[in-house]
Amino acid sequence: MRISRGFICALIGIAMTILSWYGPWGWPAWPAFTAIDLVFGHSGFADYPFRVKSAIVTGLIVLNVAFWGFAACGAMRLIRLAAAGSRRARR
């Protein structure tokens, strides 16, 4: 059974988001951190009610998964193009 590239990219996006939550580094979460800085500045969102904060965090998770999924899709496309170019050069 062959798995589609879109599904693999979605799994990579989810894995990177989980890494951003549980890993020791902050770089996997930079799309969410950038969105927080752009929207809220330095004030943060601690003063909002729980439901609003939950919606914001859910949106940030979706943003992070989508960003890393599209980045994986672009990387896979570049790798595929490079592999096709190297096959043409051999002929």
C-alpha atoms as a PDB file:
ATOM      1  CA  MET A   1       0.000   0.000   0.000  1.00  0.00           C
ATOM      2  CA  ARG A   2       1.409   3.367  -1.012  1.00  0.00           C
ATOM      3  CA  ILE A   3       0.927   6.389   1.253  1.00  0.00           C
ATOM      4  CA  SER A   4       0.218   9.723  -0.423  1.00  0.00           C
ATOM      5  CA  ARG A   5       2.666  12.615  -0.197  1.00  0.00           C
ATOM      6  CA  GLY A   6      -0.023  14.826   1.316  1.00  0.00           C
ATOM      7  CA  PHE A   7      -0.564  12.391   4.162  1.00  0.00           C
ATOM      8  CA  ILE A   8       3.180  12.157   4.798  1.00  0.00           C
ATOM      9  CA  CYS A   9       3.410  15.967   4.850  1.00  0.00           C
ATOM     10  CA  ALA A  10       0.515  16.152   7.315  1.00  0.00           C
ATOM     11  CA  LEU A  11       2.234  13.624   9.566  1.00  0.00           C
ATOM     12  CA  ILE A  12       5.461  15.630   9.419  1.00  0.00           C
ATOM     13  CA  GLY A  13       3.539  18.773  10.379  1.00  0.00           C
ATOM     14  CA  ILE A  14       1.971  16.996  13.347  1.00  0.00           C
ATOM     15  CA  ALA A  15       5.333  15.538  14.395  1.00  0.00           C
ATOM     16  CA  MET A  16       7.011  18.955  14.280  1.00  0.00           C
ATOM     17  CA  THR A  17       4.217  20.461  16.352  1.00  0.00           C
ATOM     18  CA  ILE A  18       4.514  17.704  18.950  1.00  0.00           C
ATOM     19  CA  LEU A  19       8.267  18.299  18.966  1.00  0.00           C
ATOM     20  CA  SER A  20       7.644  21.992  19.587  1.00  0.00           C
ATOM     21  CA  TRP A  21       5.520  21.166  22.631  1.00  0.00           C
ATOM     22  CA  TYR A  22       7.641  18.427  24.201  1.00  0.00           C
ATOM     23  CA  GLY A  23      11.108  18.968  22.770  1.00  0.00           C
ATOM     24  CA  PRO A  24      13.862  20.980  24.434  1.00  0.00           C
ATOM     25  CA  TRP A  25      14.081  23.479  21.551  1.00  0.00           C
ATOM     26  CA  GLY A  26      11.955  26.466  20.645  1.00  0.00           C
ATOM     27  CA  TRP A  27      12.628  26.564  16.903  1.00  0.00           C
ATOM     28  CA  PRO A  28       9.869  24.098  15.880  1.00  0.00           C
ATOM     29  CA  ALA A  29       7.307  26.509  17.352  1.00  0.00           C
ATOM     30  CA  TRP A  30       8.555  29.681  15.684  1.00  0.00           C
ATOM     31  CA  PRO A  31       5.516  29.991  13.351  1.00  0.00           C
ATOM     32  CA  ALA A  32       3.258  30.118  16.430  1.00  0.00           C
ATOM     33  CA  PHE A  33       5.655  32.396  18.326  1.00  0.00           C
ATOM     34  CA  THR A  34       5.772  34.763  15.355  1.00  0.00           C
ATOM     35  CA  ALA A  35       1.971  34.846  15.161  1.00  0.00           C
ATOM     36  CA  ILE A  36       1.753  35.616  18.891  1.00  0.00           C
ATOM     37  CA  ASP A  37       4.272  38.456  18.515  1.00  0.00           C
ATOM     38  CA  LEU A  38       2.487  39.897  15.480  1.00  0.00           C
ATOM     39  CA  VAL A  39      -1.013  39.714  16.951  1.00  0.00           C
ATOM     40  CA  PHE A  40      -0.446  40.423  20.630  1.00  0.00           C
ATOM     41  CA  GLY A  41       2.922  42.138  20.743  1.00  0.00           C
ATOM     42  CA  HIS A  42       4.583  41.901  24.129  1.00  0.00           C
ATOM     43  CA  SER A  43       1.318  41.971  26.105  1.00  0.00           C
ATOM     44  CA  GLY A  44       0.490  38.279  25.521  1.00  0.00           C
ATOM     45  CA  PHE A  45      -2.958  36.847  25.954  1.00  0.00           C
ATOM     46  CA  ALA A  46      -3.015  35.985  29.659  1.00  0.00           C
ATOM     47  CA  ASP A  47      -5.867  38.420  30.406  1.00  0.00           C
ATOM     48  CA  TYR A  48      -8.345  36.693  28.105  1.00  0.00           C
ATOM     49  CA  PRO A  49     -10.957  34.242  29.407  1.00  0.00           C
ATOM     50  CA  PHE A  50     -10.224  30.514  29.284  1.00  0.00           C
ATOM     51  CA  ARG A  51     -12.405  29.862  26.224  1.00  0.00           C
ATOM     52  CA  VAL A  52     -10.688  32.567  24.219  1.00  0.00           C
ATOM     53  CA  LYS A  53      -7.235  31.320  25.239  1.00  0.00           C
ATOM     54  CA  SER A  54      -8.262  27.783  24.266  1.00  0.00           C
ATOM     55  CA  ALA A  55      -9.376  28.988  20.843  1.00  0.00           C
ATOM     56  CA  ILE A  56      -6.131  30.925  20.393  1.00  0.00           C
ATOM     57  CA  VAL A  57      -3.978  27.925  21.332  1.00  0.00           C
ATOM     58  CA  THR A  58      -6.004  25.687  18.989  1.00  0.00           C
ATOM     59  CA  GLY A  59      -5.482  28.185  16.179  1.00  0.00           C
ATOM     60  CA  LEU A  60      -1.748  28.286  16.906  1.00  0.00           C
ATOM     61  CA  ILE A  61      -1.574  24.488  16.771  1.00  0.00           C
ATOM     62  CA  VAL A  62      -3.354  24.498  13.406  1.00  0.00           C
ATOM     63  CA  LEU A  63      -1.017  27.230  12.140  1.00  0.00           C
ATOM     64  CA  ASN A  64       2.074  25.306  13.251  1.00  0.00           C
ATOM     65  CA  VAL A  65       0.903  22.000  11.738  1.00  0.00           C
ATOM     66  CA  ALA A  66      -0.026  23.712   8.456  1.00  0.00           C
ATOM     67  CA  PHE A  67       3.273  25.592   8.215  1.00  0.00           C
ATOM     68  CA  TRP A  68       5.438  22.527   8.774  1.00  0.00           C
ATOM     69  CA  GLY A  69       3.216  20.413   6.523  1.00  0.00           C
ATOM     70  CA  PHE A  70       3.593  22.876   3.656  1.00  0.00           C
ATOM     71  CA  ALA A  71       7.334  23.158   4.344  1.00  0.00           C
ATOM     72  CA  ALA A  72       7.624  19.361   4.130  1.00  0.00           C
ATOM     73  CA  CYS A  73       5.611  19.380   0.908  1.00  0.00           C
ATOM     74  CA  GLY A  74       7.948  21.976  -0.591  1.00  0.00           C
ATOM     75  CA  ALA A  75      11.022  20.042   0.520  1.00  0.00           C
ATOM     76  CA  MET A  76       9.643  16.825  -0.955  1.00  0.00           C
ATOM     77  CA  ARG A  77       8.927  18.616  -4.219  1.00  0.00           C
ATOM     78  CA  LEU A  78      12.464  20.024  -4.381  1.00  0.00           C
ATOM     79  CA  ILE A  79      13.961  16.604  -3.646  1.00  0.00           C
ATOM     80  CA  ARG A  80      11.812  15.043  -6.356  1.00  0.00           C
ATOM     81  CA  LEU A  81      12.858  17.710  -8.880  1.00  0.00           C
ATOM     82  CA  ALA A  82      16.529  17.301  -7.977  1.00  0.00           C
ATOM     83  CA  ALA A  83      16.283  13.530  -8.328  1.00  0.00           C
ATOM     84  CA  ALA A  84      14.590  13.875 -11.699  1.00  0.00           C
ATOM     85  CA  GLY A  85      17.308  16.281 -12.848  1.00  0.00           C
ATOM     86  CA  SER A  86      20.077  13.944 -11.808  1.00  0.00           C
ATOM     87  CA  ARG A  87      18.383  11.052 -13.635  1.00  0.00           C
ATOM     88  CA  ARG A  88      18.209  13.153 -16.805  1.00  0.00           C
ATOM     89  CA  ALA A  89      21.883  14.074 -16.511  1.00  0.00           C
ATOM     90  CA  ARG A  90      22.875  10.401 -16.383  1.00  0.00           C
ATOM     91  CA  ARG A  91      21.184   9.608 -19.693  1.00  0.00           C
END
